[in-house]
Amino acid sequence: MKYIQKGEEPQNFTEWKAREDDDWKPSWDNFQSPEKSNFHKELLQEQGFICCYCGMEIGKETSHIEHLKPRKTYPEEALNYNNLLVSCQRERVPKEPQHCGVKKDDWYNENLMVSPLDSSCADFFRYSGSGEILPNDEPGKQDAAVTTIDKLGLNISKLEDMRREAIDAIFLVTEGLTNEEIQELIYSRDANGKYIPFFGAIAYIFQQYFVDLP
């Protein structure tokens, strides 16, 4: 999981929420395109085009706007910009295992949910070279990590395989690079504003086993 630093609320979203009269009030149910579509794009750019939970690469057609605190139990947070993220799995495909925001659904527990809005979220998890995500066994972190992995389906074979492939691929492109060059590749966005997919797993492996990265 990668920390998502929220910026200023997009002006178009602020202006849309301010449109209120006797016959119409802003709500998630009447948040439609073009405003919603443009907002979706803004969130993708903010996150560097990676899922807020698993870190896979996403685009507008492969993602949905996610409420960290679900609308069902936190209706007052439905239009709170700081509660809105982008997660993978736009549609529920038959037979495809659910994960991330789709699997999370209406679950949320402030004490047991590792939030990508927490600047220390990456510290709750460990990764193996085979792509497995593991809880940090540090006291105070393990319970939340175990629960989050389970509730979001972060260790299903699909994601484990994708993380392993991403780790293997990055080894090929970093061979012969200096630590500084590897750091630039892993931590920086590319020319299209995208972070490297599965950033959390890749950064952890390099930090622990190969190079001295922050």
N, C-alpha and C. Protein backbone atom coordinates (compact mmCIF):
# COMPACT_ATOMS: atom_id res chain seq x y z
N MET A 1 0.85 -1.19 0.00
CA MET A 1 0.00 0.00 0.00
C MET A 1 0.89 1.24 0.00
N LYS A 2 0.50 2.20 -0.79
CA LYS A 2 1.26 3.45 -0.88
C LYS A 2 0.46 4.61 -0.28
N TYR A 3 1.13 5.43 0.47
CA TYR A 3 0.50 6.61 1.04
C TYR A 3 0.00 7.55 -0.05
N ILE A 4 -1.26 7.94 0.06
CA ILE A 4 -1.85 8.90 -0.87
C ILE A 4 -2.00 10.23 -0.15
N GLN A 5 -1.29 11.20 -0.64
CA GLN A 5 -1.36 12.53 -0.04
C GLN A 5 -2.40 13.36 -0.78
N LYS A 6 -3.49 13.64 -0.12
CA LYS A 6 -4.56 14.40 -0.75
C LYS A 6 -4.15 15.86 -0.92
N GLY A 7 -4.48 16.40 -2.08
CA GLY A 7 -4.20 17.81 -2.33
C GLY A 7 -5.43 18.66 -2.09
N GLU A 8 -5.45 19.80 -2.72
CA GLU A 8 -6.61 20.67 -2.61
C GLU A 8 -7.78 20.07 -3.38
N GLU A 9 -8.97 20.26 -2.85
CA GLU A 9 -10.16 19.79 -3.54
C GLU A 9 -10.27 20.48 -4.90
N PRO A 10 -10.51 19.72 -5.99
CA PRO A 10 -10.63 20.33 -7.31
C PRO A 10 -11.71 21.41 -7.32
N GLN A 11 -11.41 22.50 -7.97
CA GLN A 11 -12.34 23.63 -7.98
C GLN A 11 -13.69 23.26 -8.59
N ASN A 12 -13.67 22.46 -9.65
CA ASN A 12 -14.93 22.07 -10.28
C ASN A 12 -15.82 21.29 -9.33
N PHE A 13 -15.22 20.46 -8.48
CA PHE A 13 -15.99 19.69 -7.50
C PHE A 13 -16.56 20.63 -6.43
N THR A 14 -15.76 21.56 -6.00
CA THR A 14 -16.22 22.55 -5.01
C THR A 14 -17.39 23.35 -5.56
N GLU A 15 -17.27 23.78 -6.80
CA GLU A 15 -18.33 24.58 -7.42
C GLU A 15 -19.60 23.76 -7.61
N TRP A 16 -19.45 22.49 -7.98
CA TRP A 16 -20.62 21.64 -8.15
C TRP A 16 -21.36 21.47 -6.83
N LYS A 17 -20.62 21.27 -5.74
CA LYS A 17 -21.25 21.09 -4.43
C LYS A 17 -21.95 22.36 -3.96
N ALA A 18 -21.51 23.50 -4.47
CA ALA A 18 -22.11 24.78 -4.07
C ALA A 18 -23.40 25.08 -4.83
N ARG A 19 -23.69 24.31 -5.87
CA ARG A 19 -24.91 24.52 -6.65
C ARG A 19 -26.09 23.94 -5.88
N GLU A 20 -26.85 24.81 -5.25
CA GLU A 20 -27.96 24.35 -4.43
C GLU A 20 -29.11 25.35 -4.53
N ASP A 21 -30.32 24.82 -4.73
CA ASP A 21 -31.50 25.68 -4.74
C ASP A 21 -32.66 24.89 -4.13
N ASP A 22 -33.86 25.43 -4.25
CA ASP A 22 -35.02 24.81 -3.61
C ASP A 22 -35.35 23.43 -4.18
N ASP A 23 -35.01 23.20 -5.43
CA ASP A 23 -35.37 21.95 -6.09
C ASP A 23 -34.22 20.96 -6.23
N TRP A 24 -33.02 21.36 -5.85
CA TRP A 24 -31.87 20.49 -6.09
C TRP A 24 -30.80 20.71 -5.03
N LYS A 25 -30.33 19.63 -4.48
CA LYS A 25 -29.22 19.68 -3.53
C LYS A 25 -28.17 18.66 -3.95
N PRO A 26 -26.89 18.99 -3.82
CA PRO A 26 -25.84 18.04 -4.22
C PRO A 26 -25.85 16.79 -3.35
N SER A 27 -25.75 15.66 -3.97
CA SER A 27 -25.65 14.38 -3.27
C SER A 27 -24.89 13.42 -4.17
N TRP A 28 -24.42 12.32 -3.60
CA TRP A 28 -23.69 11.35 -4.41
C TRP A 28 -24.59 10.77 -5.50
N ASP A 29 -25.87 10.61 -5.19
CA ASP A 29 -26.79 10.01 -6.15
C ASP A 29 -27.00 10.87 -7.39
N ASN A 30 -26.86 12.19 -7.26
CA ASN A 30 -27.02 13.03 -8.45
C ASN A 30 -25.70 13.60 -8.96
N PHE A 31 -24.61 12.98 -8.53
CA PHE A 31 -23.29 13.35 -9.03
C PHE A 31 -23.06 12.59 -10.33
N GLN A 32 -23.28 13.25 -11.44
CA GLN A 32 -23.23 12.62 -12.75
C GLN A 32 -22.20 13.28 -13.65
N SER A 33 -21.98 12.67 -14.82
CA SER A 33 -21.08 13.26 -15.80
C SER A 33 -21.73 14.50 -16.41
N PRO A 34 -20.94 15.48 -16.81
CA PRO A 34 -19.47 15.41 -16.96
C PRO A 34 -18.69 15.65 -15.67
N GLU A 35 -19.37 16.18 -14.63
CA GLU A 35 -18.65 16.51 -13.39
C GLU A 35 -18.01 15.27 -12.77
N LYS A 36 -18.76 14.17 -12.70
CA LYS A 36 -18.23 12.97 -12.06
C LYS A 36 -17.08 12.38 -12.86
N SER A 37 -17.21 12.37 -14.18
CA SER A 37 -16.14 11.84 -15.03
C SER A 37 -14.86 12.65 -14.88
N ASN A 38 -14.99 13.96 -14.87
CA ASN A 38 -13.81 14.82 -14.70
C ASN A 38 -13.19 14.65 -13.32
N PHE A 39 -14.04 14.47 -12.32
CA PHE A 39 -13.55 14.27 -10.96
C PHE A 39 -12.79 12.96 -10.85
N HIS A 40 -13.31 11.93 -11.49
CA HIS A 40 -12.65 10.62 -11.53
C HIS A 40 -11.23 10.75 -12.09
N LYS A 41 -11.09 11.51 -13.16
CA LYS A 41 -9.78 11.73 -13.78
C LYS A 41 -8.85 12.48 -12.83
N GLU A 42 -9.39 13.44 -12.10
CA GLU A 42 -8.57 14.19 -11.13
C GLU A 42 -8.03 13.27 -10.05
N LEU A 43 -8.86 12.36 -9.56
CA LEU A 43 -8.41 11.43 -8.53
C LEU A 43 -7.34 10.48 -9.05
N LEU A 44 -7.52 10.01 -10.28
CA LEU A 44 -6.51 9.14 -10.88
C LEU A 44 -5.16 9.83 -10.97
N GLN A 45 -5.17 11.06 -11.39
CA GLN A 45 -3.92 11.83 -11.49
C GLN A 45 -3.30 12.03 -10.11
N GLU A 46 -4.13 12.31 -9.12
CA GLU A 46 -3.62 12.50 -7.77
C GLU A 46 -2.93 11.25 -7.25
N GLN A 47 -3.48 10.08 -7.55
CA GLN A 47 -2.93 8.81 -7.08
C GLN A 47 -1.83 8.25 -7.97
N GLY A 48 -1.54 8.90 -9.06
CA GLY A 48 -0.53 8.38 -9.96
C GLY A 48 -0.98 7.14 -10.70
N PHE A 49 -2.30 6.99 -10.91
CA PHE A 49 -2.87 5.90 -11.69
C PHE A 49 -2.59 4.52 -11.10
N ILE A 50 -2.59 4.43 -9.77
CA ILE A 50 -2.51 3.13 -9.12
C ILE A 50 -3.67 3.00 -8.13
N CYS A 51 -4.14 1.77 -7.94
CA CYS A 51 -5.23 1.51 -7.00
C CYS A 51 -4.82 1.93 -5.60
N CYS A 52 -5.76 2.54 -4.89
CA CYS A 52 -5.44 3.04 -3.55
C CYS A 52 -5.12 1.93 -2.56
N TYR A 53 -5.53 0.71 -2.86
CA TYR A 53 -5.32 -0.40 -1.93
C TYR A 53 -4.23 -1.37 -2.39
N CYS A 54 -4.39 -1.98 -3.55
CA CYS A 54 -3.41 -3.00 -3.98
C CYS A 54 -2.24 -2.41 -4.74
N GLY A 55 -2.41 -1.25 -5.38
CA GLY A 55 -1.31 -0.62 -6.10
C GLY A 55 -1.18 -1.01 -7.55
N MET A 56 -2.12 -1.80 -8.10
CA MET A 56 -2.02 -2.13 -9.52
C MET A 56 -2.30 -0.90 -10.37
N GLU A 57 -1.82 -0.90 -11.60
CA GLU A 57 -2.08 0.22 -12.50
C GLU A 57 -3.56 0.25 -12.87
N ILE A 58 -4.15 1.43 -12.86
CA ILE A 58 -5.55 1.57 -13.21
C ILE A 58 -5.74 2.77 -14.12
N GLY A 59 -6.86 2.77 -14.82
CA GLY A 59 -7.28 3.89 -15.64
C GLY A 59 -8.76 4.13 -15.38
N LYS A 60 -9.32 5.05 -16.11
CA LYS A 60 -10.73 5.39 -15.87
C LYS A 60 -11.65 4.22 -16.14
N GLU A 61 -11.34 3.42 -17.16
CA GLU A 61 -12.21 2.30 -17.53
C GLU A 61 -12.00 1.08 -16.64
N THR A 62 -10.98 1.08 -15.81
CA THR A 62 -10.70 -0.09 -14.97
C THR A 62 -10.75 0.25 -13.49
N SER A 63 -11.41 1.35 -13.15
CA SER A 63 -11.44 1.77 -11.75
C SER A 63 -12.78 2.42 -11.41
N HIS A 64 -13.01 2.57 -10.12
CA HIS A 64 -14.21 3.25 -9.64
C HIS A 64 -13.84 4.18 -8.50
N ILE A 65 -14.68 5.18 -8.30
CA ILE A 65 -14.47 6.09 -7.17
C ILE A 65 -14.87 5.37 -5.90
N GLU A 66 -13.98 5.36 -4.95
CA GLU A 66 -14.12 4.59 -3.71
C GLU A 66 -14.31 5.51 -2.51
N HIS A 67 -15.28 5.17 -1.67
CA HIS A 67 -15.45 5.87 -0.39
C HIS A 67 -14.70 5.08 0.68
N LEU A 68 -13.67 5.67 1.25
CA LEU A 68 -12.93 5.00 2.32
C LEU A 68 -13.89 4.65 3.46
N LYS A 69 -14.61 5.64 3.94
CA LYS A 69 -15.69 5.41 4.90
C LYS A 69 -16.97 5.24 4.08
N PRO A 70 -17.57 4.07 4.10
CA PRO A 70 -18.71 3.78 3.21
C PRO A 70 -19.88 4.73 3.40
N ARG A 71 -20.55 5.01 2.29
CA ARG A 71 -21.70 5.91 2.32
C ARG A 71 -22.83 5.37 3.20
N LYS A 72 -22.97 4.05 3.22
CA LYS A 72 -24.08 3.45 3.96
C LYS A 72 -24.01 3.78 5.44
N THR A 73 -22.83 3.75 5.99
CA THR A 73 -22.68 4.00 7.44
C THR A 73 -22.14 5.39 7.76
N TYR A 74 -21.61 6.07 6.75
CA TYR A 74 -21.09 7.42 6.95
C TYR A 74 -21.65 8.35 5.86
N PRO A 75 -22.96 8.53 5.81
CA PRO A 75 -23.55 9.35 4.74
C PRO A 75 -23.04 10.78 4.71
N GLU A 76 -22.63 11.28 5.88
CA GLU A 76 -22.12 12.65 5.95
C GLU A 76 -20.77 12.80 5.26
N GLU A 77 -20.09 11.67 4.95
CA GLU A 77 -18.78 11.69 4.31
C GLU A 77 -18.85 11.45 2.80
N ALA A 78 -20.08 11.33 2.27
CA ALA A 78 -20.25 10.94 0.87
C ALA A 78 -19.60 11.90 -0.10
N LEU A 79 -19.60 13.20 0.20
CA LEU A 79 -19.02 14.20 -0.70
C LEU A 79 -17.79 14.87 -0.10
N ASN A 80 -17.21 14.22 0.89
CA ASN A 80 -15.99 14.74 1.51
C ASN A 80 -14.80 14.34 0.65
N TYR A 81 -14.16 15.31 0.07
CA TYR A 81 -13.04 15.03 -0.84
C TYR A 81 -11.98 14.14 -0.20
N ASN A 82 -11.72 14.32 1.07
CA ASN A 82 -10.70 13.54 1.76
C ASN A 82 -11.14 12.11 2.06
N ASN A 83 -12.37 11.78 1.70
CA ASN A 83 -12.85 10.41 1.86
C ASN A 83 -12.95 9.69 0.52
N LEU A 84 -12.57 10.36 -0.55
CA LEU A 84 -12.76 9.83 -1.90
C LEU A 84 -11.43 9.44 -2.55
N LEU A 85 -11.36 8.19 -2.99
CA LEU A 85 -10.16 7.63 -3.59
C LEU A 85 -10.56 6.92 -4.88
N VAL A 86 -9.62 6.25 -5.52
CA VAL A 86 -9.94 5.44 -6.69
C VAL A 86 -9.39 4.04 -6.47
N SER A 87 -10.25 3.05 -6.68
CA SER A 87 -9.87 1.65 -6.51
C SER A 87 -10.07 0.89 -7.82
N CYS A 88 -9.44 -0.26 -7.93
CA CYS A 88 -9.54 -1.08 -9.13
C CYS A 88 -10.88 -1.81 -9.18
N GLN A 89 -11.06 -2.63 -10.22
CA GLN A 89 -12.28 -3.42 -10.44
C GLN A 89 -13.51 -2.51 -10.58
N ARG A 90 -13.61 -1.90 -11.73
CA ARG A 90 -14.77 -1.03 -12.00
C ARG A 90 -16.08 -1.81 -12.01
N GLU A 91 -16.07 -2.98 -12.64
CA GLU A 91 -17.25 -3.81 -12.73
C GLU A 91 -16.98 -5.15 -12.05
N ARG A 92 -18.01 -5.75 -11.53
CA ARG A 92 -17.89 -7.07 -10.92
C ARG A 92 -17.97 -8.13 -12.00
N VAL A 93 -16.83 -8.61 -12.43
CA VAL A 93 -16.76 -9.60 -13.51
C VAL A 93 -17.06 -10.99 -12.95
N PRO A 94 -18.00 -11.72 -13.56
CA PRO A 94 -18.33 -13.07 -13.07
C PRO A 94 -17.09 -13.95 -13.00
N LYS A 95 -16.96 -14.68 -11.91
CA LYS A 95 -15.89 -15.64 -11.65
C LYS A 95 -14.54 -14.99 -11.32
N GLU A 96 -14.43 -13.68 -11.50
CA GLU A 96 -13.17 -13.03 -11.11
C GLU A 96 -13.20 -12.77 -9.61
N PRO A 97 -12.15 -13.13 -8.88
CA PRO A 97 -12.15 -12.91 -7.43
C PRO A 97 -12.21 -11.43 -7.09
N GLN A 98 -13.03 -11.10 -6.13
CA GLN A 98 -13.17 -9.71 -5.72
C GLN A 98 -12.02 -9.32 -4.79
N HIS A 99 -11.62 -8.07 -4.89
CA HIS A 99 -10.58 -7.56 -4.01
C HIS A 99 -10.69 -6.04 -3.92
N CYS A 100 -9.93 -5.47 -3.04
CA CYS A 100 -9.86 -4.02 -2.84
C CYS A 100 -11.24 -3.42 -2.55
N GLY A 101 -11.60 -2.32 -3.20
CA GLY A 101 -12.83 -1.63 -2.85
C GLY A 101 -14.08 -2.46 -3.06
N VAL A 102 -14.11 -3.29 -4.10
CA VAL A 102 -15.28 -4.13 -4.38
C VAL A 102 -15.49 -5.13 -3.25
N LYS A 103 -14.41 -5.78 -2.80
CA LYS A 103 -14.53 -6.75 -1.70
C LYS A 103 -14.79 -6.05 -0.37
N LYS A 104 -14.17 -4.94 -0.16
CA LYS A 104 -14.36 -4.17 1.08
C LYS A 104 -15.82 -3.76 1.26
N ASP A 105 -16.47 -3.34 0.18
CA ASP A 105 -17.88 -3.01 0.18
C ASP A 105 -18.20 -2.01 1.30
N ASP A 106 -19.07 -2.37 2.23
CA ASP A 106 -19.49 -1.44 3.28
C ASP A 106 -18.71 -1.61 4.58
N TRP A 107 -17.61 -2.39 4.52
CA TRP A 107 -16.84 -2.58 5.74
C TRP A 107 -15.91 -1.39 5.99
N TYR A 108 -15.82 -1.01 7.25
CA TYR A 108 -14.82 -0.03 7.68
C TYR A 108 -14.72 -0.09 9.19
N ASN A 109 -13.50 -0.15 9.68
CA ASN A 109 -13.26 -0.13 11.12
C ASN A 109 -12.05 0.77 11.35
N GLU A 110 -12.28 1.86 12.02
CA GLU A 110 -11.22 2.86 12.18
C GLU A 110 -9.97 2.29 12.84
N ASN A 111 -10.14 1.29 13.70
CA ASN A 111 -9.00 0.73 14.42
C ASN A 111 -8.33 -0.44 13.68
N LEU A 112 -9.03 -1.03 12.72
CA LEU A 112 -8.50 -2.22 12.05
C LEU A 112 -8.33 -2.06 10.56
N MET A 113 -8.65 -0.89 10.04
CA MET A 113 -8.48 -0.61 8.61
C MET A 113 -7.20 0.20 8.41
N VAL A 114 -6.26 -0.36 7.70
CA VAL A 114 -5.06 0.41 7.35
C VAL A 114 -5.43 1.32 6.18
N SER A 115 -5.38 2.61 6.42
CA SER A 115 -5.83 3.57 5.42
C SER A 115 -4.67 4.06 4.56
N PRO A 116 -4.87 4.12 3.24
CA PRO A 116 -3.83 4.68 2.38
C PRO A 116 -3.65 6.18 2.59
N LEU A 117 -4.50 6.79 3.39
CA LEU A 117 -4.34 8.21 3.74
C LEU A 117 -3.46 8.39 4.97
N ASP A 118 -3.06 7.28 5.58
CA ASP A 118 -2.14 7.30 6.72
C ASP A 118 -0.72 7.30 6.18
N SER A 119 0.06 8.30 6.52
CA SER A 119 1.42 8.42 5.98
C SER A 119 2.31 7.23 6.35
N SER A 120 1.92 6.46 7.36
CA SER A 120 2.72 5.30 7.77
C SER A 120 2.10 3.98 7.30
N CYS A 121 1.16 4.03 6.36
CA CYS A 121 0.44 2.81 5.96
C CYS A 121 1.37 1.71 5.46
N ALA A 122 2.43 2.07 4.77
CA ALA A 122 3.34 1.05 4.22
C ALA A 122 4.02 0.25 5.32
N ASP A 123 4.16 0.84 6.50
CA ASP A 123 4.86 0.17 7.59
C ASP A 123 4.08 -1.00 8.18
N PHE A 124 2.81 -1.14 7.81
CA PHE A 124 1.98 -2.22 8.34
C PHE A 124 2.20 -3.54 7.61
N PHE A 125 2.91 -3.51 6.48
CA PHE A 125 3.00 -4.69 5.63
C PHE A 125 4.43 -5.05 5.27
N ARG A 126 4.62 -6.35 5.01
CA ARG A 126 5.86 -6.87 4.47
C ARG A 126 5.51 -7.63 3.18
N TYR A 127 6.51 -7.91 2.37
CA TYR A 127 6.28 -8.64 1.13
C TYR A 127 7.40 -9.65 0.92
N SER A 128 7.06 -10.73 0.25
CA SER A 128 8.07 -11.71 -0.12
C SER A 128 8.39 -11.55 -1.60
N GLY A 129 9.50 -12.13 -2.01
CA GLY A 129 9.88 -12.06 -3.42
C GLY A 129 8.90 -12.79 -4.32
N SER A 130 8.09 -13.67 -3.75
CA SER A 130 7.10 -14.41 -4.53
C SER A 130 5.81 -13.62 -4.69
N GLY A 131 5.74 -12.41 -4.10
CA GLY A 131 4.57 -11.56 -4.26
C GLY A 131 3.58 -11.63 -3.12
N GLU A 132 3.87 -12.39 -2.09
CA GLU A 132 2.95 -12.50 -0.96
C GLU A 132 3.01 -11.23 -0.11
N ILE A 133 1.85 -10.78 0.35
CA ILE A 133 1.80 -9.65 1.28
C ILE A 133 1.60 -10.22 2.68
N LEU A 134 2.37 -9.72 3.63
CA LEU A 134 2.37 -10.24 4.99
C LEU A 134 2.20 -9.10 5.98
N PRO A 135 1.59 -9.38 7.13
CA PRO A 135 1.46 -8.33 8.14
C PRO A 135 2.78 -8.07 8.84
N ASN A 136 3.01 -6.84 9.20
CA ASN A 136 4.14 -6.50 10.04
C ASN A 136 3.82 -7.04 11.43
N ASP A 137 4.75 -7.79 12.02
CA ASP A 137 4.48 -8.39 13.33
C ASP A 137 4.78 -7.44 14.49
N GLU A 138 5.02 -6.17 14.17
CA GLU A 138 5.28 -5.18 15.20
C GLU A 138 4.02 -4.95 16.02
N PRO A 139 4.12 -4.92 17.36
CA PRO A 139 2.94 -4.67 18.20
C PRO A 139 2.25 -3.37 17.80
N GLY A 140 0.93 -3.42 17.73
CA GLY A 140 0.18 -2.24 17.35
C GLY A 140 -0.11 -2.15 15.87
N LYS A 141 0.53 -2.99 15.06
CA LYS A 141 0.31 -2.98 13.63
C LYS A 141 -0.25 -4.29 13.09
N GLN A 142 0.06 -5.39 13.76
CA GLN A 142 -0.27 -6.70 13.20
C GLN A 142 -1.77 -6.91 13.03
N ASP A 143 -2.57 -6.58 14.03
CA ASP A 143 -4.01 -6.83 13.95
C ASP A 143 -4.64 -6.08 12.80
N ALA A 144 -4.29 -4.81 12.65
CA ALA A 144 -4.86 -4.01 11.56
C ALA A 144 -4.40 -4.54 10.21
N ALA A 145 -3.15 -4.93 10.11
CA ALA A 145 -2.63 -5.45 8.85
C ALA A 145 -3.32 -6.75 8.45
N VAL A 146 -3.44 -7.68 9.40
CA VAL A 146 -4.10 -8.96 9.13
C VAL A 146 -5.54 -8.74 8.69
N THR A 147 -6.25 -7.87 9.39
CA THR A 147 -7.65 -7.61 9.06
C THR A 147 -7.79 -6.95 7.71
N THR A 148 -6.94 -5.98 7.42
CA THR A 148 -7.01 -5.27 6.14
C THR A 148 -6.71 -6.21 4.98
N ILE A 149 -5.70 -7.05 5.11
CA ILE A 149 -5.38 -8.02 4.07
C ILE A 149 -6.58 -8.92 3.80
N ASP A 150 -7.23 -9.35 4.86
CA ASP A 150 -8.39 -10.24 4.72
C ASP A 150 -9.59 -9.53 4.12
N LYS A 151 -9.95 -8.38 4.65
CA LYS A 151 -11.16 -7.67 4.22
C LYS A 151 -11.05 -7.14 2.79
N LEU A 152 -9.83 -6.86 2.33
CA LEU A 152 -9.64 -6.34 0.98
C LEU A 152 -9.17 -7.41 0.00
N GLY A 153 -8.97 -8.64 0.49
CA GLY A 153 -8.53 -9.72 -0.38
C GLY A 153 -7.18 -9.46 -1.01
N LEU A 154 -6.27 -8.87 -0.27
CA LEU A 154 -5.00 -8.45 -0.86
C LEU A 154 -4.03 -9.61 -1.12
N ASN A 155 -4.35 -10.78 -0.58
CA ASN A 155 -3.43 -11.91 -0.79
C ASN A 155 -4.01 -13.00 -1.67
N ILE A 156 -5.02 -12.66 -2.48
CA ILE A 156 -5.54 -13.66 -3.41
C ILE A 156 -4.45 -13.97 -4.45
N SER A 157 -4.55 -15.13 -5.06
CA SER A 157 -3.49 -15.56 -5.98
C SER A 157 -3.31 -14.60 -7.16
N LYS A 158 -4.39 -14.00 -7.63
CA LYS A 158 -4.29 -13.04 -8.73
C LYS A 158 -3.34 -11.91 -8.40
N LEU A 159 -3.51 -11.29 -7.23
CA LEU A 159 -2.67 -10.16 -6.84
C LEU A 159 -1.26 -10.62 -6.50
N GLU A 160 -1.16 -11.79 -5.87
CA GLU A 160 0.17 -12.31 -5.54
C GLU A 160 0.98 -12.54 -6.82
N ASP A 161 0.35 -13.10 -7.83
CA ASP A 161 1.04 -13.34 -9.10
C ASP A 161 1.44 -12.02 -9.76
N MET A 162 0.55 -11.03 -9.72
CA MET A 162 0.85 -9.74 -10.34
C MET A 162 1.99 -9.03 -9.63
N ARG A 163 2.03 -9.14 -8.31
CA ARG A 163 3.14 -8.53 -7.56
C ARG A 163 4.46 -9.23 -7.89
N ARG A 164 4.43 -10.55 -7.96
CA ARG A 164 5.66 -11.28 -8.28
C ARG A 164 6.17 -10.89 -9.67
N GLU A 165 5.27 -10.80 -10.63
CA GLU A 165 5.67 -10.41 -11.98
C GLU A 165 6.24 -9.00 -12.02
N ALA A 166 5.65 -8.10 -11.22
CA ALA A 166 6.14 -6.72 -11.17
C ALA A 166 7.54 -6.66 -10.54
N ILE A 167 7.74 -7.45 -9.49
CA ILE A 167 9.05 -7.50 -8.83
C ILE A 167 10.10 -8.06 -9.78
N ASP A 168 9.77 -9.16 -10.46
CA ASP A 168 10.71 -9.77 -11.40
C ASP A 168 11.06 -8.80 -12.54
N ALA A 169 10.04 -8.07 -13.01
CA ALA A 169 10.26 -7.16 -14.14
C ALA A 169 11.17 -6.00 -13.75
N ILE A 170 11.01 -5.51 -12.52
CA ILE A 170 11.81 -4.35 -12.11
C ILE A 170 13.28 -4.74 -11.95
N PHE A 171 13.55 -6.00 -11.59
CA PHE A 171 14.94 -6.44 -11.51
C PHE A 171 15.63 -6.34 -12.87
N LEU A 172 14.90 -6.66 -13.91
CA LEU A 172 15.48 -6.63 -15.25
C LEU A 172 15.86 -5.22 -15.68
N VAL A 173 15.00 -4.25 -15.36
CA VAL A 173 15.26 -2.88 -15.83
C VAL A 173 16.21 -2.12 -14.90
N THR A 174 16.46 -2.64 -13.70
CA THR A 174 17.36 -1.94 -12.78
C THR A 174 18.77 -2.53 -12.77
N GLU A 175 18.97 -3.60 -13.50
CA GLU A 175 20.29 -4.23 -13.53
C GLU A 175 21.34 -3.23 -14.04
N GLY A 176 22.37 -3.04 -13.24
CA GLY A 176 23.44 -2.13 -13.62
C GLY A 176 23.22 -0.68 -13.22
N LEU A 177 22.04 -0.36 -12.66
CA LEU A 177 21.77 1.02 -12.25
C LEU A 177 22.37 1.30 -10.88
N THR A 178 22.66 2.55 -10.61
CA THR A 178 23.13 2.96 -9.29
C THR A 178 21.94 3.03 -8.34
N ASN A 179 22.23 3.11 -7.05
CA ASN A 179 21.16 3.26 -6.06
C ASN A 179 20.32 4.49 -6.34
N GLU A 180 20.98 5.57 -6.73
CA GLU A 180 20.26 6.81 -7.00
C GLU A 180 19.32 6.66 -8.20
N GLU A 181 19.78 5.95 -9.21
CA GLU A 181 18.94 5.72 -10.39
C GLU A 181 17.77 4.80 -10.08
N ILE A 182 18.01 3.80 -9.25
CA ILE A 182 16.93 2.90 -8.84
C ILE A 182 15.90 3.67 -8.01
N GLN A 183 16.38 4.50 -7.13
CA GLN A 183 15.47 5.30 -6.30
C GLN A 183 14.60 6.20 -7.18
N GLU A 184 15.19 6.82 -8.17
CA GLU A 184 14.45 7.69 -9.08
C GLU A 184 13.38 6.90 -9.82
N LEU A 185 13.73 5.71 -10.27
CA LEU A 185 12.79 4.88 -11.02
C LEU A 185 11.62 4.44 -10.15
N ILE A 186 11.91 4.03 -8.93
CA ILE A 186 10.87 3.46 -8.07
C ILE A 186 9.96 4.53 -7.47
N TYR A 187 10.53 5.64 -7.04
CA TYR A 187 9.77 6.61 -6.27
C TYR A 187 9.16 7.74 -7.09
N SER A 188 9.56 7.90 -8.31
CA SER A 188 9.10 9.05 -9.10
C SER A 188 8.02 8.64 -10.10
N ARG A 189 7.19 9.58 -10.47
CA ARG A 189 6.20 9.36 -11.52
C ARG A 189 6.90 9.43 -12.88
N ASP A 190 6.30 8.76 -13.86
CA ASP A 190 6.87 8.83 -15.20
C ASP A 190 6.35 10.07 -15.93
N ALA A 191 6.63 10.17 -17.21
CA ALA A 191 6.24 11.36 -17.98
C ALA A 191 4.73 11.53 -18.07
N ASN A 192 3.99 10.46 -17.84
CA ASN A 192 2.53 10.52 -17.89
C ASN A 192 1.90 10.67 -16.51
N GLY A 193 2.75 10.92 -15.51
CA GLY A 193 2.23 11.12 -14.16
C GLY A 193 1.91 9.84 -13.42
N LYS A 194 2.43 8.69 -13.90
CA LYS A 194 2.11 7.40 -13.30
C LYS A 194 3.21 6.92 -12.36
N TYR A 195 2.78 6.36 -11.22
CA TYR A 195 3.72 5.66 -10.35
C TYR A 195 3.91 4.24 -10.88
N ILE A 196 4.99 3.62 -10.47
CA ILE A 196 5.24 2.24 -10.86
C ILE A 196 4.20 1.35 -10.18
N PRO A 197 3.56 0.43 -10.91
CA PRO A 197 2.56 -0.45 -10.30
C PRO A 197 3.16 -1.30 -9.19
N PHE A 198 2.36 -1.57 -8.18
CA PHE A 198 2.76 -2.36 -7.02
C PHE A 198 4.00 -1.75 -6.35
N PHE A 199 3.96 -0.44 -6.26
CA PHE A 199 5.03 0.33 -5.64
C PHE A 199 5.42 -0.21 -4.27
N GLY A 200 4.40 -0.50 -3.43
CA GLY A 200 4.68 -0.93 -2.06
C GLY A 200 5.53 -2.17 -2.00
N ALA A 201 5.18 -3.18 -2.78
CA ALA A 201 5.93 -4.44 -2.77
C ALA A 201 7.34 -4.24 -3.32
N ILE A 202 7.46 -3.51 -4.41
CA ILE A 202 8.77 -3.29 -5.04
C ILE A 202 9.69 -2.50 -4.12
N ALA A 203 9.18 -1.43 -3.54
CA ALA A 203 10.00 -0.61 -2.64
C ALA A 203 10.46 -1.44 -1.44
N TYR A 204 9.56 -2.26 -0.90
CA TYR A 204 9.92 -3.07 0.27
C TYR A 204 11.04 -4.04 -0.06
N ILE A 205 10.92 -4.76 -1.17
CA ILE A 205 11.94 -5.75 -1.56
C ILE A 205 13.30 -5.08 -1.73
N PHE A 206 13.33 -3.95 -2.41
CA PHE A 206 14.60 -3.28 -2.63
C PHE A 206 15.17 -2.71 -1.32
N GLN A 207 14.30 -2.21 -0.47
CA GLN A 207 14.77 -1.67 0.81
C GLN A 207 15.39 -2.75 1.69
N GLN A 208 14.73 -3.90 1.72
CA GLN A 208 15.14 -4.96 2.65
C GLN A 208 16.30 -5.80 2.16
N TYR A 209 16.37 -6.03 0.86
CA TYR A 209 17.30 -7.05 0.39
C TYR A 209 18.40 -6.59 -0.56
N PHE A 210 18.20 -5.43 -1.19
CA PHE A 210 19.13 -5.13 -2.27
C PHE A 210 19.87 -3.81 -2.12
N VAL A 211 19.15 -2.71 -1.97
CA VAL A 211 19.82 -1.43 -1.93
C VAL A 211 19.33 -0.61 -0.75
N ASP A 212 20.12 0.33 -0.36
CA ASP A 212 19.78 1.17 0.78
C ASP A 212 18.93 2.34 0.30
N LEU A 213 17.60 2.11 0.26
CA LEU A 213 16.67 3.17 -0.15
C LEU A 213 15.91 3.68 1.07
N PRO A 214 15.40 4.91 1.01
CA PRO A 214 14.68 5.47 2.17
C PRO A 214 13.34 4.77 2.38
